[in-house]
PDB file of N, CA and C in Angstrom:
ATOM      1  N   UNK A   1      19.493 -28.234 -23.617  1.00  0.00           N
ATOM      2  CA  UNK A   1      18.781 -28.448 -22.373  1.00  0.00           C
ATOM      3  C   UNK A   1      18.338 -27.103 -21.812  1.00  0.00           C
ATOM      4  N   UNK A   2      17.124 -27.019 -21.378  1.00  0.00           N
ATOM      5  CA  UNK A   2      16.572 -25.789 -20.825  1.00  0.00           C
ATOM      6  C   UNK A   2      16.864 -25.742 -19.327  1.00  0.00           C
ATOM      7  N   UNK A   3      17.636 -24.786 -18.903  1.00  0.00           N
ATOM      8  CA  UNK A   3      17.982 -24.639 -17.487  1.00  0.00           C
ATOM      9  C   UNK A   3      16.938 -23.796 -16.786  1.00  0.00           C
ATOM     10  N   UNK A   4      16.538 -24.250 -15.629  1.00  0.00           N
ATOM     11  CA  UNK A   4      15.595 -23.505 -14.803  1.00  0.00           C
ATOM     12  C   UNK A   4      16.351 -22.661 -13.800  1.00  0.00           C
ATOM     13  N   UNK A   5      15.753 -21.561 -13.418  1.00  0.00           N
ATOM     14  CA  UNK A   5      16.280 -20.728 -12.355  1.00  0.00           C
ATOM     15  C   UNK A   5      15.310 -20.817 -11.192  1.00  0.00           C
ATOM     16  N   UNK A   6      15.812 -21.241 -10.059  1.00  0.00           N
ATOM     17  CA  UNK A   6      15.002 -21.343  -8.858  1.00  0.00           C
ATOM     18  C   UNK A   6      15.484 -20.321  -7.851  1.00  0.00           C
ATOM     19  N   UNK A   7      14.567 -19.709  -7.161  1.00  0.00           N
ATOM     20  CA  UNK A   7      14.914 -18.758  -6.113  1.00  0.00           C
ATOM     21  C   UNK A   7      14.384 -19.349  -4.813  1.00  0.00           C
ATOM     22  N   UNK A   8      15.293 -19.645  -3.899  1.00  0.00           N
ATOM     23  CA  UNK A   8      14.909 -20.355  -2.677  1.00  0.00           C
ATOM     24  C   UNK A   8      14.699 -19.402  -1.512  1.00  0.00           C
ATOM     25  N   UNK A   9      13.682 -19.720  -0.713  1.00  0.00           N
ATOM     26  CA  UNK A   9      13.503 -18.995   0.534  1.00  0.00           C
ATOM     27  C   UNK A   9      14.024 -19.876   1.670  1.00  0.00           C
ATOM     28  N   UNK A  10      14.008 -19.348   2.870  1.00  0.00           N
ATOM     29  CA  UNK A  10      14.594 -20.057   4.007  1.00  0.00           C
ATOM     30  C   UNK A  10      13.904 -21.393   4.269  1.00  0.00           C
ATOM     31  N   UNK A  11      12.600 -21.454   4.119  1.00  0.00           N
ATOM     32  CA  UNK A  11      11.871 -22.711   4.369  1.00  0.00           C
ATOM     33  C   UNK A  11      12.318 -23.806   3.415  1.00  0.00           C
ATOM     34  N   UNK A  12      12.502 -23.472   2.157  1.00  0.00           N
ATOM     35  CA  UNK A  12      12.955 -24.458   1.173  1.00  0.00           C
ATOM     36  C   UNK A  12      14.338 -24.973   1.557  1.00  0.00           C
ATOM     37  N   UNK A  13      15.233 -24.076   1.925  1.00  0.00           N
ATOM     38  CA  UNK A  13      16.586 -24.472   2.283  1.00  0.00           C
ATOM     39  C   UNK A  13      16.591 -25.322   3.551  1.00  0.00           C
ATOM     40  N   UNK A  14      15.864 -24.894   4.566  1.00  0.00           N
ATOM     41  CA  UNK A  14      15.832 -25.647   5.824  1.00  0.00           C
ATOM     42  C   UNK A  14      15.209 -27.026   5.632  1.00  0.00           C
ATOM     43  N   UNK A  15      14.092 -27.093   4.913  1.00  0.00           N
ATOM     44  CA  UNK A  15      13.437 -28.380   4.699  1.00  0.00           C
ATOM     45  C   UNK A  15      14.332 -29.340   3.919  1.00  0.00           C
ATOM     46  N   UNK A  16      14.945 -28.856   2.858  1.00  0.00           N
ATOM     47  CA  UNK A  16      15.836 -29.711   2.073  1.00  0.00           C
ATOM     48  C   UNK A  16      17.087 -30.082   2.869  1.00  0.00           C
ATOM     49  N   UNK A  17      17.496 -29.208   3.752  1.00  0.00           N
ATOM     50  CA  UNK A  17      18.644 -29.514   4.604  1.00  0.00           C
ATOM     51  C   UNK A  17      18.366 -30.654   5.568  1.00  0.00           C
ATOM     52  N   UNK A  18      17.146 -30.735   6.064  1.00  0.00           N
ATOM     53  CA  UNK A  18      16.790 -31.791   7.016  1.00  0.00           C
ATOM     54  C   UNK A  18      16.941 -33.187   6.411  1.00  0.00           C
ATOM     55  N   UNK A  19      16.571 -33.328   5.142  1.00  0.00           N
ATOM     56  CA  UNK A  19      16.671 -34.661   4.550  1.00  0.00           C
ATOM     57  C   UNK A  19      17.810 -34.764   3.537  1.00  0.00           C
ATOM     58  N   UNK A  20      18.785 -33.886   3.702  1.00  0.00           N
ATOM     59  CA  UNK A  20      19.989 -33.887   2.865  1.00  0.00           C
ATOM     60  C   UNK A  20      19.640 -33.804   1.377  1.00  0.00           C
ATOM     61  N   UNK A  21      18.680 -32.946   1.057  1.00  0.00           N
ATOM     62  CA  UNK A  21      18.223 -32.830  -0.315  1.00  0.00           C
ATOM     63  C   UNK A  21      18.680 -31.582  -1.039  1.00  0.00           C
ATOM     64  N   UNK A  22      19.632 -30.848  -0.471  1.00  0.00           N
ATOM     65  CA  UNK A  22      20.079 -29.615  -1.134  1.00  0.00           C
ATOM     66  C   UNK A  22      20.720 -29.912  -2.484  1.00  0.00           C
ATOM     67  N   UNK A  23      21.448 -31.009  -2.570  1.00  0.00           N
ATOM     68  CA  UNK A  23      22.060 -31.402  -3.844  1.00  0.00           C
ATOM     69  C   UNK A  23      21.011 -31.725  -4.895  1.00  0.00           C
ATOM     70  N   UNK A  24      19.928 -32.372  -4.467  1.00  0.00           N
ATOM     71  CA  UNK A  24      18.837 -32.677  -5.393  1.00  0.00           C
ATOM     72  C   UNK A  24      18.193 -31.402  -5.901  1.00  0.00           C
ATOM     73  N   UNK A  25      18.014 -30.455  -5.010  1.00  0.00           N
ATOM     74  CA  UNK A  25      17.427 -29.178  -5.398  1.00  0.00           C
ATOM     75  C   UNK A  25      18.252 -28.528  -6.501  1.00  0.00           C
ATOM     76  N   UNK A  26      19.554 -28.576  -6.352  1.00  0.00           N
ATOM     77  CA  UNK A  26      20.445 -27.947  -7.334  1.00  0.00           C
ATOM     78  C   UNK A  26      20.466 -28.692  -8.661  1.00  0.00           C
ATOM     79  N   UNK A  27      20.039 -29.929  -8.665  1.00  0.00           N
ATOM     80  CA  UNK A  27      19.957 -30.677  -9.924  1.00  0.00           C
ATOM     81  C   UNK A  27      18.798 -30.198 -10.792  1.00  0.00           C
ATOM     82  N   UNK A  28      17.840 -29.512 -10.190  1.00  0.00           N
ATOM     83  CA  UNK A  28      16.699 -28.989 -10.941  1.00  0.00           C
ATOM     84  C   UNK A  28      17.085 -27.798 -11.813  1.00  0.00           C
ATOM     85  N   UNK A  29      18.133 -27.115 -11.431  1.00  0.00           N
ATOM     86  CA  UNK A  29      18.577 -25.940 -12.167  1.00  0.00           C
ATOM     87  C   UNK A  29      19.407 -25.039 -11.270  1.00  0.00           C
ATOM     88  N   UNK A  30      19.692 -23.868 -11.768  1.00  0.00           N
ATOM     89  CA  UNK A  30      20.451 -22.881 -10.993  1.00  0.00           C
ATOM     90  C   UNK A  30      19.569 -22.407  -9.832  1.00  0.00           C
ATOM     91  N   UNK A  31      20.101 -22.490  -8.608  1.00  0.00           N
ATOM     92  CA  UNK A  31      19.345 -22.080  -7.425  1.00  0.00           C
ATOM     93  C   UNK A  31      20.021 -20.858  -6.820  1.00  0.00           C
ATOM     94  N   UNK A  32      19.288 -19.751  -6.768  1.00  0.00           N
ATOM     95  CA  UNK A  32      19.808 -18.516  -6.196  1.00  0.00           C
ATOM     96  C   UNK A  32      19.120 -18.260  -4.860  1.00  0.00           C
ATOM     97  N   UNK A  33      19.883 -17.718  -3.934  1.00  0.00           N
ATOM     98  CA  UNK A  33      19.350 -17.406  -2.612  1.00  0.00           C
ATOM     99  C   UNK A  33      19.942 -16.073  -2.157  1.00  0.00           C
ATOM    100  N   UNK A  34      19.090 -15.191  -1.675  1.00  0.00           N
ATOM    101  CA  UNK A  34      19.569 -13.896  -1.187  1.00  0.00           C
ATOM    102  C   UNK A  34      20.369 -14.088   0.098  1.00  0.00           C
ATOM    103  N   UNK A  35      21.365 -13.246   0.286  1.00  0.00           N
ATOM    104  CA  UNK A  35      22.199 -13.329   1.491  1.00  0.00           C
ATOM    105  C   UNK A  35      21.371 -13.187   2.763  1.00  0.00           C
ATOM    106  N   UNK A  36      20.327 -12.367   2.716  1.00  0.00           N
ATOM    107  CA  UNK A  36      19.483 -12.191   3.901  1.00  0.00           C
ATOM    108  C   UNK A  36      18.660 -13.445   4.195  1.00  0.00           C
ATOM    109  N   UNK A  37      18.363 -14.209   3.163  1.00  0.00           N
ATOM    110  CA  UNK A  37      17.666 -15.482   3.350  1.00  0.00           C
ATOM    111  C   UNK A  37      18.610 -16.485   4.007  1.00  0.00           C
ATOM    112  N   UNK A  38      19.848 -16.538   3.528  1.00  0.00           N
ATOM    113  CA  UNK A  38      20.822 -17.440   4.153  1.00  0.00           C
ATOM    114  C   UNK A  38      21.023 -17.079   5.620  1.00  0.00           C
ATOM    115  N   UNK A  39      20.994 -15.802   5.927  1.00  0.00           N
ATOM    116  CA  UNK A  39      21.144 -15.376   7.323  1.00  0.00           C
ATOM    117  C   UNK A  39      19.997 -15.926   8.177  1.00  0.00           C
ATOM    118  N   UNK A  40      18.792 -16.025   7.597  1.00  0.00           N
ATOM    119  CA  UNK A  40      17.656 -16.592   8.321  1.00  0.00           C
ATOM    120  C   UNK A  40      17.845 -18.093   8.593  1.00  0.00           C
ATOM    121  N   UNK A  41      18.710 -18.730   7.809  1.00  0.00           N
ATOM    122  CA  UNK A  41      18.929 -20.179   7.928  1.00  0.00           C
ATOM    123  C   UNK A  41      19.918 -20.537   9.030  1.00  0.00           C
ATOM    124  N   UNK A  42      20.550 -19.554   9.612  1.00  0.00           N
ATOM    125  CA  UNK A  42      21.501 -19.836  10.703  1.00  0.00           C
ATOM    126  C   UNK A  42      20.708 -20.133  11.970  1.00  0.00           C
ATOM    127  N   UNK A  43      20.822 -21.375  12.427  1.00  0.00           N
ATOM    128  CA  UNK A  43      20.058 -21.791  13.597  1.00  0.00           C
ATOM    129  C   UNK A  43      20.781 -22.943  14.277  1.00  0.00           C
ATOM    130  N   UNK A  44      20.651 -23.018  15.580  1.00  0.00           N
ATOM    131  CA  UNK A  44      21.344 -24.052  16.346  1.00  0.00           C
ATOM    132  C   UNK A  44      20.868 -25.461  15.989  1.00  0.00           C
ATOM    133  N   UNK A  45      19.645 -25.606  15.472  1.00  0.00           N
ATOM    134  CA  UNK A  45      19.156 -26.935  15.084  1.00  0.00           C
ATOM    135  C   UNK A  45      19.826 -27.447  13.815  1.00  0.00           C
ATOM    136  N   UNK A  46      20.316 -26.545  12.992  1.00  0.00           N
ATOM    137  CA  UNK A  46      21.015 -26.902  11.759  1.00  0.00           C
ATOM    138  C   UNK A  46      22.257 -26.013  11.637  1.00  0.00           C
ATOM    139  N   UNK A  47      23.235 -26.207  12.497  1.00  0.00           N
ATOM    140  CA  UNK A  47      24.363 -25.278  12.557  1.00  0.00           C
ATOM    141  C   UNK A  47      25.226 -25.213  11.292  1.00  0.00           C
ATOM    142  N   UNK A  48      25.209 -26.246  10.477  1.00  0.00           N
ATOM    143  CA  UNK A  48      26.043 -26.276   9.274  1.00  0.00           C
ATOM    144  C   UNK A  48      25.262 -26.027   8.000  1.00  0.00           C
ATOM    145  N   UNK A  49      24.015 -25.634   8.127  1.00  0.00           N
ATOM    146  CA  UNK A  49      23.133 -25.525   6.966  1.00  0.00           C
ATOM    147  C   UNK A  49      23.633 -24.534   5.918  1.00  0.00           C
ATOM    148  N   UNK A  50      24.069 -23.382   6.322  1.00  0.00           N
ATOM    149  CA  UNK A  50      24.518 -22.370   5.350  1.00  0.00           C
ATOM    150  C   UNK A  50      25.703 -22.895   4.557  1.00  0.00           C
ATOM    151  N   UNK A  51      26.652 -23.506   5.245  1.00  0.00           N
ATOM    152  CA  UNK A  51      27.816 -24.063   4.555  1.00  0.00           C
ATOM    153  C   UNK A  51      27.408 -25.220   3.652  1.00  0.00           C
ATOM    154  N   UNK A  52      26.460 -26.049   4.105  1.00  0.00           N
ATOM    155  CA  UNK A  52      25.964 -27.154   3.288  1.00  0.00           C
ATOM    156  C   UNK A  52      25.266 -26.635   2.034  1.00  0.00           C
ATOM    157  N   UNK A  53      24.514 -25.550   2.179  1.00  0.00           N
ATOM    158  CA  UNK A  53      23.822 -24.951   1.035  1.00  0.00           C
ATOM    159  C   UNK A  53      24.828 -24.448   0.004  1.00  0.00           C
ATOM    160  N   UNK A  54      25.836 -23.772   0.458  1.00  0.00           N
ATOM    161  CA  UNK A  54      26.870 -23.278  -0.467  1.00  0.00           C
ATOM    162  C   UNK A  54      27.600 -24.442  -1.124  1.00  0.00           C
ATOM    163  N   UNK A  55      27.939 -25.463  -0.342  1.00  0.00           N
ATOM    164  CA  UNK A  55      28.661 -26.621  -0.872  1.00  0.00           C
ATOM    165  C   UNK A  55      27.819 -27.388  -1.891  1.00  0.00           C
ATOM    166  N   UNK A  56      26.498 -27.379  -1.703  1.00  0.00           N
ATOM    167  CA  UNK A  56      25.603 -28.083  -2.624  1.00  0.00           C
ATOM    168  C   UNK A  56      25.481 -27.351  -3.963  1.00  0.00           C
ATOM    169  N   UNK A  57      25.844 -26.066  -3.970  1.00  0.00           N
ATOM    170  CA  UNK A  57      25.799 -25.301  -5.211  1.00  0.00           C
ATOM    171  C   UNK A  57      24.818 -24.162  -5.249  1.00  0.00           C
ATOM    172  N   UNK A  58      24.133 -23.878  -4.142  1.00  0.00           N
ATOM    173  CA  UNK A  58      23.257 -22.714  -4.114  1.00  0.00           C
ATOM    174  C   UNK A  58      24.102 -21.462  -4.291  1.00  0.00           C
ATOM    175  N   UNK A  59      23.617 -20.528  -5.065  1.00  0.00           N
ATOM    176  CA  UNK A  59      24.370 -19.322  -5.386  1.00  0.00           C
ATOM    177  C   UNK A  59      23.845 -18.173  -4.545  1.00  0.00           C
ATOM    178  N   UNK A  60      24.725 -17.624  -3.730  1.00  0.00           N
ATOM    179  CA  UNK A  60      24.342 -16.530  -2.833  1.00  0.00           C
ATOM    180  C   UNK A  60      24.368 -15.203  -3.589  1.00  0.00           C
ATOM    181  N   UNK A  61      23.274 -14.470  -3.475  1.00  0.00           N
ATOM    182  CA  UNK A  61      23.119 -13.173  -4.130  1.00  0.00           C
ATOM    183  C   UNK A  61      23.009 -12.102  -3.051  1.00  0.00           C
ATOM    184  N   UNK A  62      23.796 -11.062  -3.182  1.00  0.00           N
ATOM    185  CA  UNK A  62      23.724  -9.949  -2.232  1.00  0.00           C
ATOM    186  C   UNK A  62      22.474  -9.134  -2.548  1.00  0.00           C
ATOM    187  N   UNK A  63      21.645  -8.936  -1.539  1.00  0.00           N
ATOM    188  CA  UNK A  63      20.406  -8.169  -1.723  1.00  0.00           C
ATOM    189  C   UNK A  63      20.766  -6.720  -2.038  1.00  0.00           C
ATOM    190  N   UNK A  64      20.466  -6.308  -3.235  1.00  0.00           N
ATOM    191  CA  UNK A  64      20.819  -4.964  -3.698  1.00  0.00           C
ATOM    192  C   UNK A  64      19.904  -3.915  -3.080  1.00  0.00           C
ATOM    193  N   UNK A  65      20.434  -2.702  -2.980  1.00  0.00           N
ATOM    194  CA  UNK A  65      19.664  -1.589  -2.426  1.00  0.00           C
ATOM    195  C   UNK A  65      18.358  -1.353  -3.185  1.00  0.00           C
ATOM    196  N   UNK A  66      18.374  -1.594  -4.496  1.00  0.00           N
ATOM    197  CA  UNK A  66      17.166  -1.353  -5.293  1.00  0.00           C
ATOM    198  C   UNK A  66      16.025  -2.266  -4.855  1.00  0.00           C
ATOM    199  N   UNK A  67      16.350  -3.494  -4.443  1.00  0.00           N
ATOM    200  CA  UNK A  67      15.311  -4.407  -3.961  1.00  0.00           C
ATOM    201  C   UNK A  67      14.819  -3.971  -2.589  1.00  0.00           C
ATOM    202  N   UNK A  68      15.725  -3.504  -1.763  1.00  0.00           N
ATOM    203  CA  UNK A  68      15.350  -3.043  -0.420  1.00  0.00           C
ATOM    204  C   UNK A  68      14.437  -1.831  -0.510  1.00  0.00           C
ATOM    205  N   UNK A  69      14.733  -0.925  -1.429  1.00  0.00           N
ATOM    206  CA  UNK A  69      13.906   0.265  -1.614  1.00  0.00           C
ATOM    207  C   UNK A  69      12.507  -0.129  -2.083  1.00  0.00           C
ATOM    208  N   UNK A  70      12.450  -1.038  -3.056  1.00  0.00           N
ATOM    209  CA  UNK A  70      11.153  -1.495  -3.562  1.00  0.00           C
ATOM    210  C   UNK A  70      10.384  -2.246  -2.480  1.00  0.00           C
ATOM    211  N   UNK A  71      11.080  -3.094  -1.739  1.00  0.00           N
ATOM    212  CA  UNK A  71      10.427  -3.892  -0.691  1.00  0.00           C
ATOM    213  C   UNK A  71       9.888  -3.004   0.426  1.00  0.00           C
ATOM    214  N   UNK A  72      10.607  -1.919   0.727  1.00  0.00           N
ATOM    215  CA  UNK A  72      10.181  -1.021   1.807  1.00  0.00           C
ATOM    216  C   UNK A  72       8.852  -0.335   1.482  1.00  0.00           C
ATOM    217  N   UNK A  73       8.607  -0.137   0.198  1.00  0.00           N
ATOM    218  CA  UNK A  73       7.358   0.516  -0.201  1.00  0.00           C
ATOM    219  C   UNK A  73       6.378  -0.491  -0.808  1.00  0.00           C
ATOM    220  N   UNK A  74       6.548  -1.740  -0.484  1.00  0.00           N
ATOM    221  CA  UNK A  74       5.734  -2.811  -1.042  1.00  0.00           C
ATOM    222  C   UNK A  74       4.267  -2.686  -0.643  1.00  0.00           C
ATOM    223  N   UNK A  75       3.372  -2.923  -1.595  1.00  0.00           N
ATOM    224  CA  UNK A  75       1.951  -2.957  -1.254  1.00  0.00           C
ATOM    225  C   UNK A  75       1.556  -4.271  -0.562  1.00  0.00           C
ATOM    226  N   UNK A  76       2.493  -5.205  -0.516  1.00  0.00           N
ATOM    227  CA  UNK A  76       2.242  -6.507   0.105  1.00  0.00           C
ATOM    228  C   UNK A  76       2.619  -6.431   1.581  1.00  0.00           C
ATOM    229  N   UNK A  77       1.813  -5.797   2.361  1.00  0.00           N
ATOM    230  CA  UNK A  77       2.097  -5.520   3.771  1.00  0.00           C
ATOM    231  C   UNK A  77       2.205  -6.779   4.628  1.00  0.00           C
ATOM    232  N   UNK A  78       1.615  -7.885   4.183  1.00  0.00           N
ATOM    233  CA  UNK A  78       1.642  -9.110   4.978  1.00  0.00           C
ATOM    234  C   UNK A  78       2.961  -9.864   4.855  1.00  0.00           C
ATOM    235  N   UNK A  79       3.793  -9.479   3.907  1.00  0.00           N
ATOM    236  CA  UNK A  79       5.080 -10.157   3.741  1.00  0.00           C
ATOM    237  C   UNK A  79       6.094  -9.641   4.754  1.00  0.00           C
ATOM    238  N   UNK A  80       6.957 -10.539   5.202  1.00  0.00           N
ATOM    239  CA  UNK A  80       8.069 -10.109   6.042  1.00  0.00           C
ATOM    240  C   UNK A  80       9.016  -9.277   5.174  1.00  0.00           C
ATOM    241  N   UNK A  81       9.891  -8.470   5.781  1.00  0.00           N
ATOM    242  CA  UNK A  81      10.839  -7.694   4.976  1.00  0.00           C
ATOM    243  C   UNK A  81      11.692  -8.580   4.069  1.00  0.00           C
ATOM    244  N   UNK A  82      12.120  -9.731   4.557  1.00  0.00           N
ATOM    245  CA  UNK A  82      12.949 -10.629   3.739  1.00  0.00           C
ATOM    246  C   UNK A  82      12.129 -11.217   2.593  1.00  0.00           C
ATOM    247  N   UNK A  83      10.891 -11.618   2.856  1.00  0.00           N
ATOM    248  CA  UNK A  83      10.044 -12.149   1.788  1.00  0.00           C
ATOM    249  C   UNK A  83       9.737 -11.082   0.741  1.00  0.00           C
ATOM    250  N   UNK A  84       9.566  -9.852   1.173  1.00  0.00           N
ATOM    251  CA  UNK A  84       9.345  -8.759   0.222  1.00  0.00           C
ATOM    252  C   UNK A  84      10.586  -8.555  -0.653  1.00  0.00           C
ATOM    253  N   UNK A  85      11.768  -8.645  -0.055  1.00  0.00           N
ATOM    254  CA  UNK A  85      13.004  -8.563  -0.841  1.00  0.00           C
ATOM    255  C   UNK A  85      13.046  -9.676  -1.880  1.00  0.00           C
ATOM    256  N   UNK A  86      12.711 -10.862  -1.451  1.00  0.00           N
ATOM    257  CA  UNK A  86      12.720 -12.034  -2.342  1.00  0.00           C
ATOM    258  C   UNK A  86      11.741 -11.836  -3.492  1.00  0.00           C
ATOM    259  N   UNK A  87      10.572 -11.314  -3.197  1.00  0.00           N
ATOM    260  CA  UNK A  87       9.583 -11.047  -4.231  1.00  0.00           C
ATOM    261  C   UNK A  87      10.142 -10.070  -5.276  1.00  0.00           C
ATOM    262  N   UNK A  88      10.709  -8.963  -4.819  1.00  0.00           N
ATOM    263  CA  UNK A  88      11.210  -7.966  -5.762  1.00  0.00           C
ATOM    264  C   UNK A  88      12.445  -8.454  -6.520  1.00  0.00           C
ATOM    265  N   UNK A  89      13.249  -9.292  -5.886  1.00  0.00           N
ATOM    266  CA  UNK A  89      14.378  -9.870  -6.611  1.00  0.00           C
ATOM    267  C   UNK A  89      13.880 -10.781  -7.733  1.00  0.00           C
ATOM    268  N   UNK A  90      12.814 -11.514  -7.484  1.00  0.00           N
ATOM    269  CA  UNK A  90      12.320 -12.468  -8.473  1.00  0.00           C
ATOM    270  C   UNK A  90      11.673 -11.784  -9.669  1.00  0.00           C
ATOM    271  N   UNK A  91      11.284 -10.535  -9.499  1.00  0.00           N
ATOM    272  CA  UNK A  91      10.646  -9.815 -10.610  1.00  0.00           C
ATOM    273  C   UNK A  91      11.725  -9.370 -11.556  1.00  0.00           C
TER     274      UNK A  91
END
């Protein structure tokens, strides 16, 4: 079986959290999420979302300094700092 690797951003996690679909997302393959992305998911409208994401099987990855350095000098100026980190992690 060919396993897929998915890298989730905050919108994917929040949207799937609303309809209790985080488990379904993890059935597609290994789902990785940067710690800074999970931090963006902490919100009073979904207070248990981060814990639900971890319980569903999303794998939290610590954003390494090498990604932060690359993101800081990113030519993609329209990206938020977190989205730039996500881009460089995915490469």
